[in-house]
């Protein structure tokens, strides 16, 4: 393995770990109200989405069942973008920069990449 390939593997692992951590933290805010003004009502659609963020983010961060967790997380963010950000009735709200959906769209594609590549370096899946 060349030094460039080693750097690429490490950079990918950092992307997976940091993305998973940030996703899990966002889920903690929604589900537990941790460092947030309020928490979502138990059992609401927002609460279920937050639970997927919390558990999926932890799994991705640890590299545990990475492909499955990342695929579910990607789908959750795609649904969140379409349902909450993309305004079908209003053409001017189509783009993520205009409808505040950048984070949902970005997470959807980052987790799709992680779902296709798997845990990689520094993941629990790699050691099993």
Protein backbone atom coordinates (compact mmCIF):
# COMPACT_ATOMS: atom_id res chain seq x y z
CA UNK A 1 0.00 0.00 0.00
CA UNK A 2 1.39 3.37 -1.00
CA UNK A 3 1.61 6.30 1.39
CA UNK A 4 -1.11 8.07 -0.62
CA UNK A 5 -3.45 5.09 -0.11
CA UNK A 6 -2.70 5.10 3.63
CA UNK A 7 -3.54 8.81 3.85
CA UNK A 8 -6.75 8.26 1.87
CA UNK A 9 -7.80 5.40 4.19
CA UNK A 10 -7.12 7.52 7.27
CA UNK A 11 -9.00 10.51 5.84
CA UNK A 12 -11.99 8.29 5.03
CA UNK A 13 -11.95 6.83 8.56
CA UNK A 14 -11.91 10.35 10.02
CA UNK A 15 -14.83 11.34 7.79
CA UNK A 16 -16.78 8.30 9.04
CA UNK A 17 -15.96 8.90 12.70
CA UNK A 18 -16.61 12.65 12.72
CA UNK A 19 -19.80 12.36 10.64
CA UNK A 20 -21.10 9.63 12.91
CA UNK A 21 -20.28 11.63 16.04
CA UNK A 22 -21.99 14.78 14.78
CA UNK A 23 -25.03 12.81 13.64
CA UNK A 24 -25.29 11.04 17.01
CA UNK A 25 -24.92 14.33 18.86
CA UNK A 26 -27.76 15.83 16.83
CA UNK A 27 -29.85 12.77 17.71
CA UNK A 28 -29.04 13.26 21.42
CA UNK A 29 -30.33 16.82 21.17
CA UNK A 30 -33.60 15.65 19.65
CA UNK A 31 -34.24 12.55 21.77
CA UNK A 32 -32.75 13.58 25.11
CA UNK A 33 -32.90 17.36 24.87
CA UNK A 34 -29.15 17.39 25.61
CA UNK A 35 -27.72 20.89 25.03
CA UNK A 36 -30.91 21.85 23.22
CA UNK A 37 -33.78 24.19 24.09
CA UNK A 38 -36.24 21.27 24.10
CA UNK A 39 -36.60 17.65 23.17
CA UNK A 40 -39.02 16.09 20.72
CA UNK A 41 -42.19 14.56 22.13
CA UNK A 42 -41.76 10.83 22.77
CA UNK A 43 -42.98 8.74 19.83
CA UNK A 44 -43.35 11.67 17.42
CA UNK A 45 -41.92 11.46 13.91
CA UNK A 46 -39.17 13.87 14.95
CA UNK A 47 -38.36 11.68 17.97
CA UNK A 48 -38.06 8.56 15.78
CA UNK A 49 -35.83 10.44 13.37
CA UNK A 50 -33.70 11.58 16.31
CA UNK A 51 -33.43 8.00 17.55
CA UNK A 52 -32.21 6.88 14.12
CA UNK A 53 -29.69 9.74 14.21
CA UNK A 54 -28.49 8.79 17.69
CA UNK A 55 -28.15 5.04 17.13
CA UNK A 56 -27.13 5.26 13.47
CA UNK A 57 -24.54 7.93 14.25
CA UNK A 58 -23.02 5.85 17.06
CA UNK A 59 -22.89 2.76 14.84
CA UNK A 60 -21.25 4.68 11.98
CA UNK A 61 -18.81 6.37 14.35
CA UNK A 62 -17.75 3.03 15.84
CA UNK A 63 -17.75 1.27 12.49
CA UNK A 64 -20.29 -1.28 13.78
CA UNK A 65 -22.69 -2.68 11.16
CA UNK A 66 -21.54 0.34 9.21
CA UNK A 67 -23.10 -0.33 5.84
CA UNK A 68 -26.57 -0.95 7.27
CA UNK A 69 -26.45 1.97 9.72
CA UNK A 70 -25.16 4.37 7.07
CA UNK A 71 -27.76 3.23 4.52
CA UNK A 72 -30.63 3.76 6.98
CA UNK A 73 -29.16 7.11 8.05
CA UNK A 74 -28.81 8.20 4.42
CA UNK A 75 -32.43 7.33 3.71
CA UNK A 76 -33.58 9.14 6.84
CA UNK A 77 -31.82 12.30 5.73
CA UNK A 78 -33.19 12.01 2.19
CA UNK A 79 -36.71 11.77 3.61
CA UNK A 80 -36.02 14.69 5.97
CA UNK A 81 -34.85 16.82 3.05
CA UNK A 82 -37.87 16.07 0.88
CA UNK A 83 -40.42 16.23 3.70
CA UNK A 84 -39.19 19.26 5.63
CA UNK A 85 -37.00 21.34 3.31
CA UNK A 86 -37.94 20.87 -0.31
CA UNK A 87 -41.02 22.97 -0.98
CA UNK A 88 -42.83 21.39 -3.92
CA UNK A 89 -45.28 24.28 -4.23
CA UNK A 90 -42.62 26.97 -4.42
CA UNK A 91 -39.90 26.75 -7.08
CA UNK A 92 -37.65 29.25 -5.30
CA UNK A 93 -37.23 26.86 -2.35
CA UNK A 94 -35.92 23.96 -4.43
CA UNK A 95 -32.20 24.30 -3.70
CA UNK A 96 -30.64 23.39 -0.33
CA UNK A 97 -29.06 26.81 0.13
CA UNK A 98 -32.47 28.43 -0.15
CA UNK A 99 -34.50 26.04 2.02
CA UNK A 100 -32.02 25.38 4.86
CA UNK A 101 -31.67 21.74 3.84
CA UNK A 102 -27.90 21.72 3.27
CA UNK A 103 -27.16 19.54 6.29
CA UNK A 104 -29.83 16.96 5.43
CA UNK A 105 -28.68 16.76 1.81
CA UNK A 106 -25.01 16.55 2.76
CA UNK A 107 -25.62 13.84 5.39
CA UNK A 108 -27.69 11.85 2.86
CA UNK A 109 -24.78 11.74 0.41
CA UNK A 110 -21.99 11.29 2.99
CA UNK A 111 -23.82 8.34 4.52
CA UNK A 112 -24.50 6.92 1.04
CA UNK A 113 -20.72 6.96 0.45
CA UNK A 114 -20.10 5.31 3.83
CA UNK A 115 -22.77 2.68 3.08
CA UNK A 116 -20.98 1.83 -0.17
CA UNK A 117 -17.46 1.68 1.34
CA UNK A 118 -18.14 0.15 4.77
CA UNK A 119 -16.21 0.73 7.98
CA UNK A 120 -12.71 0.83 6.57
CA UNK A 121 -9.82 1.54 8.90
CA UNK A 122 -10.41 1.91 12.66
CA UNK A 123 -13.85 0.31 12.62
CA UNK A 124 -15.26 -2.51 14.73
CA UNK A 125 -16.42 -4.26 11.52
CA UNK A 126 -12.79 -4.34 10.34
CA UNK A 127 -11.65 -6.18 13.48
CA UNK A 128 -14.42 -8.81 13.36
